[in-house]
Amino acid sequence: MIDLSDRDLAIVAIALAGGFVCGLWAGLFLMPAEALDVPTTETDVGNGEVSERVAFYPLPRAFVALSIIVPTAALWFARVRTRDEPETDEGFEWSDATDLEEVS
């Protein structure tokens, strides 16, 4: 199995969230407008009166919420996973100061 570091997991989470949101909106714009022109009844209760009216919502309400919640959750996940990650100097060797020659 692939062993991913915390940084790799954070990158994957953000990429998946971005892909999800882009796919959500691209799918909406690929849909014909007539498909979303379905009338829904909306009931208003105010001042003791109940009135019903027909409302058209060309955009599902969940799209806006998901477009905010999913990237926020991915950024939070990335922040939590990489918060206390120690920086390593792998592949870098420190040389001794006595090994250096003076250049004149």
N, C-alpha and C. Protein backbone atom coordinates (compact mmCIF):
# COMPACT_ATOMS: atom_id res chain seq x y z
N MET A 1 0.84 -1.18 0.00
CA MET A 1 0.00 0.00 0.00
C MET A 1 0.88 1.24 0.00
N ILE A 2 0.36 2.30 -0.54
CA ILE A 2 1.12 3.55 -0.62
C ILE A 2 1.14 4.21 0.75
N ASP A 3 2.32 4.59 1.17
CA ASP A 3 2.47 5.27 2.46
C ASP A 3 2.60 6.77 2.20
N LEU A 4 1.53 7.50 2.44
CA LEU A 4 1.51 8.93 2.18
C LEU A 4 1.86 9.71 3.45
N SER A 5 2.62 10.75 3.28
CA SER A 5 2.95 11.61 4.43
C SER A 5 1.77 12.53 4.71
N ASP A 6 1.84 13.24 5.81
CA ASP A 6 0.77 14.16 6.18
C ASP A 6 0.63 15.27 5.13
N ARG A 7 1.74 15.71 4.60
CA ARG A 7 1.71 16.76 3.57
C ARG A 7 1.01 16.25 2.31
N ASP A 8 1.31 15.02 1.92
CA ASP A 8 0.67 14.42 0.75
C ASP A 8 -0.84 14.28 0.96
N LEU A 9 -1.24 13.86 2.14
CA LEU A 9 -2.66 13.74 2.45
C LEU A 9 -3.36 15.09 2.39
N ALA A 10 -2.70 16.13 2.86
CA ALA A 10 -3.28 17.47 2.82
C ALA A 10 -3.45 17.93 1.38
N ILE A 11 -2.47 17.66 0.53
CA ILE A 11 -2.56 18.05 -0.88
C ILE A 11 -3.69 17.29 -1.56
N VAL A 12 -3.81 16.00 -1.29
CA VAL A 12 -4.87 15.19 -1.88
C VAL A 12 -6.25 15.69 -1.43
N ALA A 13 -6.39 16.02 -0.16
CA ALA A 13 -7.68 16.50 0.35
C ALA A 13 -8.09 17.81 -0.33
N ILE A 14 -7.16 18.72 -0.48
CA ILE A 14 -7.48 20.00 -1.11
C ILE A 14 -7.79 19.81 -2.59
N ALA A 15 -7.04 18.94 -3.26
CA ALA A 15 -7.29 18.68 -4.68
C ALA A 15 -8.66 18.02 -4.88
N LEU A 16 -9.01 17.08 -4.01
CA LEU A 16 -10.32 16.44 -4.13
C LEU A 16 -11.47 17.43 -3.86
N ALA A 17 -11.28 18.30 -2.90
CA ALA A 17 -12.32 19.30 -2.61
C ALA A 17 -12.48 20.25 -3.79
N GLY A 18 -11.37 20.69 -4.36
CA GLY A 18 -11.45 21.57 -5.53
C GLY A 18 -12.09 20.88 -6.71
N GLY A 19 -11.75 19.62 -6.93
CA GLY A 19 -12.36 18.85 -8.01
C GLY A 19 -13.84 18.63 -7.79
N PHE A 20 -14.23 18.39 -6.55
CA PHE A 20 -15.65 18.20 -6.24
C PHE A 20 -16.46 19.45 -6.54
N VAL A 21 -15.97 20.60 -6.08
CA VAL A 21 -16.70 21.85 -6.29
C VAL A 21 -16.75 22.21 -7.77
N CYS A 22 -15.63 22.05 -8.47
CA CYS A 22 -15.61 22.34 -9.91
C CYS A 22 -16.55 21.40 -10.67
N GLY A 23 -16.56 20.13 -10.30
CA GLY A 23 -17.45 19.18 -10.94
C GLY A 23 -18.91 19.46 -10.65
N LEU A 24 -19.18 19.91 -9.45
CA LEU A 24 -20.56 20.25 -9.07
C LEU A 24 -21.10 21.37 -9.96
N TRP A 25 -20.31 22.43 -10.08
CA TRP A 25 -20.77 23.58 -10.87
C TRP A 25 -20.72 23.29 -12.37
N ALA A 26 -19.74 22.54 -12.82
CA ALA A 26 -19.68 22.18 -14.25
C ALA A 26 -20.89 21.32 -14.62
N GLY A 27 -21.26 20.40 -13.74
CA GLY A 27 -22.44 19.59 -13.99
C GLY A 27 -23.71 20.42 -14.04
N LEU A 28 -23.78 21.44 -13.21
CA LEU A 28 -24.95 22.31 -13.22
C LEU A 28 -25.04 23.09 -14.53
N PHE A 29 -23.91 23.60 -15.00
CA PHE A 29 -23.94 24.38 -16.22
C PHE A 29 -24.09 23.52 -17.48
N LEU A 30 -23.79 22.23 -17.38
CA LEU A 30 -24.01 21.34 -18.51
C LEU A 30 -25.47 20.91 -18.63
N MET A 31 -26.22 21.10 -17.58
CA MET A 31 -27.63 20.74 -17.57
C MET A 31 -28.45 21.78 -18.31
N PRO A 32 -29.46 21.38 -19.06
CA PRO A 32 -30.31 22.39 -19.71
C PRO A 32 -31.09 23.18 -18.65
N ALA A 33 -31.31 24.45 -18.91
CA ALA A 33 -31.98 25.32 -17.94
C ALA A 33 -33.41 24.85 -17.66
N GLU A 34 -34.03 24.24 -18.63
CA GLU A 34 -35.42 23.79 -18.45
C GLU A 34 -35.53 22.68 -17.40
N ALA A 35 -34.46 21.96 -17.18
CA ALA A 35 -34.50 20.87 -16.20
C ALA A 35 -34.66 21.40 -14.78
N LEU A 36 -34.20 22.62 -14.52
CA LEU A 36 -34.31 23.19 -13.18
C LEU A 36 -35.50 24.12 -13.01
N ASP A 37 -36.29 24.32 -14.07
CA ASP A 37 -37.45 25.20 -13.98
C ASP A 37 -38.68 24.45 -13.47
N VAL A 38 -38.51 23.69 -12.44
CA VAL A 38 -39.61 22.95 -11.84
C VAL A 38 -40.22 23.82 -10.75
N PRO A 39 -41.52 24.11 -10.85
CA PRO A 39 -42.13 24.97 -9.82
C PRO A 39 -42.23 24.24 -8.48
N THR A 40 -41.93 24.94 -7.45
CA THR A 40 -42.11 24.41 -6.10
C THR A 40 -43.00 25.38 -5.34
N THR A 41 -43.84 24.84 -4.50
CA THR A 41 -44.71 25.71 -3.73
C THR A 41 -43.98 26.14 -2.47
N GLU A 42 -44.14 27.39 -2.15
CA GLU A 42 -43.50 27.95 -0.97
C GLU A 42 -44.60 28.54 -0.10
N THR A 43 -44.58 28.19 1.16
CA THR A 43 -45.61 28.66 2.08
C THR A 43 -45.02 29.74 2.98
N ASP A 44 -45.68 30.88 3.02
CA ASP A 44 -45.28 31.97 3.89
C ASP A 44 -46.32 32.14 4.98
N VAL A 45 -45.86 32.16 6.21
CA VAL A 45 -46.75 32.39 7.33
C VAL A 45 -46.31 33.70 7.98
N GLY A 46 -47.15 34.68 7.91
CA GLY A 46 -46.80 35.96 8.49
C GLY A 46 -48.06 36.77 8.77
N ASN A 47 -48.08 37.45 9.86
CA ASN A 47 -49.20 38.29 10.27
C ASN A 47 -50.50 37.48 10.35
N GLY A 48 -50.40 36.22 10.71
CA GLY A 48 -51.59 35.39 10.86
C GLY A 48 -52.15 34.89 9.55
N GLU A 49 -51.52 35.18 8.43
CA GLU A 49 -52.01 34.74 7.12
C GLU A 49 -51.07 33.69 6.55
N VAL A 50 -51.66 32.74 5.88
CA VAL A 50 -50.88 31.71 5.20
C VAL A 50 -51.07 31.92 3.71
N SER A 51 -49.98 32.11 3.01
CA SER A 51 -50.07 32.29 1.56
C SER A 51 -49.10 31.34 0.87
N GLU A 52 -49.55 30.81 -0.23
CA GLU A 52 -48.72 29.91 -1.02
C GLU A 52 -48.43 30.57 -2.35
N ARG A 53 -47.23 30.39 -2.82
CA ARG A 53 -46.87 30.94 -4.12
C ARG A 53 -45.94 29.95 -4.81
N VAL A 54 -45.84 30.10 -6.10
CA VAL A 54 -44.98 29.23 -6.88
C VAL A 54 -43.62 29.90 -7.00
N ALA A 55 -42.57 29.16 -6.73
CA ALA A 55 -41.22 29.70 -6.81
C ALA A 55 -40.36 28.80 -7.69
N PHE A 56 -39.52 29.42 -8.49
CA PHE A 56 -38.59 28.69 -9.34
C PHE A 56 -37.18 28.91 -8.80
N TYR A 57 -36.48 27.83 -8.56
CA TYR A 57 -35.10 27.92 -8.08
C TYR A 57 -34.18 27.34 -9.15
N PRO A 58 -33.50 28.19 -9.91
CA PRO A 58 -32.63 27.68 -10.97
C PRO A 58 -31.33 27.08 -10.43
N LEU A 59 -31.13 27.18 -9.14
CA LEU A 59 -29.91 26.67 -8.52
C LEU A 59 -30.31 25.90 -7.26
N PRO A 60 -29.92 24.64 -7.18
CA PRO A 60 -30.21 23.91 -5.94
C PRO A 60 -29.53 24.58 -4.75
N ARG A 61 -30.24 24.71 -3.67
CA ARG A 61 -29.72 25.42 -2.49
C ARG A 61 -28.49 24.75 -1.90
N ALA A 62 -28.40 23.44 -2.06
CA ALA A 62 -27.27 22.71 -1.48
C ALA A 62 -25.94 23.04 -2.18
N PHE A 63 -26.00 23.52 -3.42
CA PHE A 63 -24.76 23.81 -4.16
C PHE A 63 -23.95 24.90 -3.47
N VAL A 64 -24.61 25.93 -3.03
CA VAL A 64 -23.90 27.03 -2.38
C VAL A 64 -23.30 26.56 -1.06
N ALA A 65 -24.08 25.81 -0.30
CA ALA A 65 -23.59 25.31 0.98
C ALA A 65 -22.41 24.35 0.78
N LEU A 66 -22.52 23.44 -0.17
CA LEU A 66 -21.43 22.50 -0.42
C LEU A 66 -20.20 23.20 -0.96
N SER A 67 -20.38 24.26 -1.73
CA SER A 67 -19.25 25.00 -2.28
C SER A 67 -18.46 25.72 -1.19
N ILE A 68 -19.07 25.94 -0.06
CA ILE A 68 -18.38 26.58 1.06
C ILE A 68 -17.89 25.53 2.06
N ILE A 69 -18.72 24.55 2.37
CA ILE A 69 -18.40 23.58 3.41
C ILE A 69 -17.27 22.63 3.01
N VAL A 70 -17.30 22.10 1.80
CA VAL A 70 -16.32 21.10 1.38
C VAL A 70 -14.89 21.68 1.34
N PRO A 71 -14.65 22.84 0.69
CA PRO A 71 -13.28 23.39 0.73
C PRO A 71 -12.84 23.80 2.14
N THR A 72 -13.77 24.30 2.94
CA THR A 72 -13.42 24.67 4.31
C THR A 72 -13.01 23.44 5.11
N ALA A 73 -13.73 22.34 4.94
CA ALA A 73 -13.38 21.11 5.63
C ALA A 73 -12.02 20.57 5.15
N ALA A 74 -11.74 20.68 3.85
CA ALA A 74 -10.46 20.22 3.32
C ALA A 74 -9.32 21.08 3.84
N LEU A 75 -9.52 22.38 3.90
CA LEU A 75 -8.48 23.26 4.43
C LEU A 75 -8.25 23.00 5.93
N TRP A 76 -9.32 22.76 6.66
CA TRP A 76 -9.18 22.43 8.08
C TRP A 76 -8.41 21.12 8.25
N PHE A 77 -8.76 20.11 7.45
CA PHE A 77 -8.06 18.83 7.51
C PHE A 77 -6.57 19.00 7.21
N ALA A 78 -6.27 19.79 6.17
CA ALA A 78 -4.88 20.02 5.80
C ALA A 78 -4.13 20.75 6.91
N ARG A 79 -4.78 21.70 7.52
CA ARG A 79 -4.15 22.46 8.61
C ARG A 79 -3.86 21.57 9.82
N VAL A 80 -4.82 20.71 10.16
CA VAL A 80 -4.66 19.83 11.31
C VAL A 80 -3.56 18.80 11.05
N ARG A 81 -3.53 18.24 9.83
CA ARG A 81 -2.54 17.21 9.51
C ARG A 81 -1.12 17.75 9.45
N THR A 82 -0.95 19.00 9.06
CA THR A 82 0.40 19.55 8.86
C THR A 82 0.79 20.56 9.92
N ARG A 83 0.03 20.68 10.98
CA ARG A 83 0.28 21.71 11.99
C ARG A 83 1.65 21.57 12.65
N ASP A 84 1.95 20.41 13.19
CA ASP A 84 3.19 20.22 13.95
C ASP A 84 4.16 19.31 13.23
N GLU A 85 4.19 19.39 11.91
CA GLU A 85 5.09 18.53 11.15
C GLU A 85 6.51 19.07 11.26
N PRO A 86 7.44 18.27 11.75
CA PRO A 86 8.81 18.75 11.87
C PRO A 86 9.48 18.85 10.50
N GLU A 87 10.31 19.84 10.37
CA GLU A 87 11.05 19.99 9.12
C GLU A 87 12.29 19.11 9.20
N THR A 88 12.52 18.34 8.17
CA THR A 88 13.67 17.45 8.15
C THR A 88 14.65 17.90 7.08
N ASP A 89 15.89 17.57 7.30
CA ASP A 89 16.94 17.89 6.33
C ASP A 89 17.43 16.60 5.68
N GLU A 90 16.51 15.80 5.17
CA GLU A 90 16.89 14.54 4.55
C GLU A 90 17.66 14.82 3.27
N GLY A 91 18.70 14.10 3.06
CA GLY A 91 19.49 14.24 1.85
C GLY A 91 20.48 15.39 1.92
N PHE A 92 20.56 16.08 3.02
CA PHE A 92 21.48 17.20 3.16
C PHE A 92 22.48 16.86 4.24
N GLU A 93 23.73 16.93 3.90
CA GLU A 93 24.77 16.61 4.88
C GLU A 93 25.51 17.88 5.25
N TRP A 94 25.67 18.07 6.54
CA TRP A 94 26.43 19.23 7.01
C TRP A 94 27.91 18.90 6.93
N SER A 95 28.67 19.82 6.40
CA SER A 95 30.12 19.59 6.34
C SER A 95 30.78 20.26 7.54
N ASP A 96 31.90 19.73 7.92
CA ASP A 96 32.63 20.29 9.04
C ASP A 96 33.33 21.57 8.59
N ALA A 97 33.35 22.57 9.42
CA ALA A 97 33.97 23.85 9.06
C ALA A 97 35.45 23.70 8.83
N THR A 98 36.09 22.69 9.40
CA THR A 98 37.53 22.51 9.22
C THR A 98 37.85 21.97 7.83
N ASP A 99 36.84 21.39 7.15
CA ASP A 99 37.07 20.84 5.82
C ASP A 99 37.11 21.92 4.74
N LEU A 100 36.65 23.09 5.07
CA LEU A 100 36.59 24.15 4.07
C LEU A 100 37.96 24.81 3.92
N GLU A 101 38.32 25.09 2.70
CA GLU A 101 39.57 25.79 2.45
C GLU A 101 39.27 27.26 2.27
N GLU A 102 40.19 28.05 2.70
CA GLU A 102 40.03 29.49 2.58
C GLU A 102 40.40 29.92 1.17
N VAL A 103 39.52 30.68 0.56
CA VAL A 103 39.76 31.17 -0.80
C VAL A 103 40.26 32.58 -0.71
N SER A 104 41.39 32.87 -1.36
CA SER A 104 41.91 34.23 -1.29
C SER A 104 41.94 34.89 -2.65
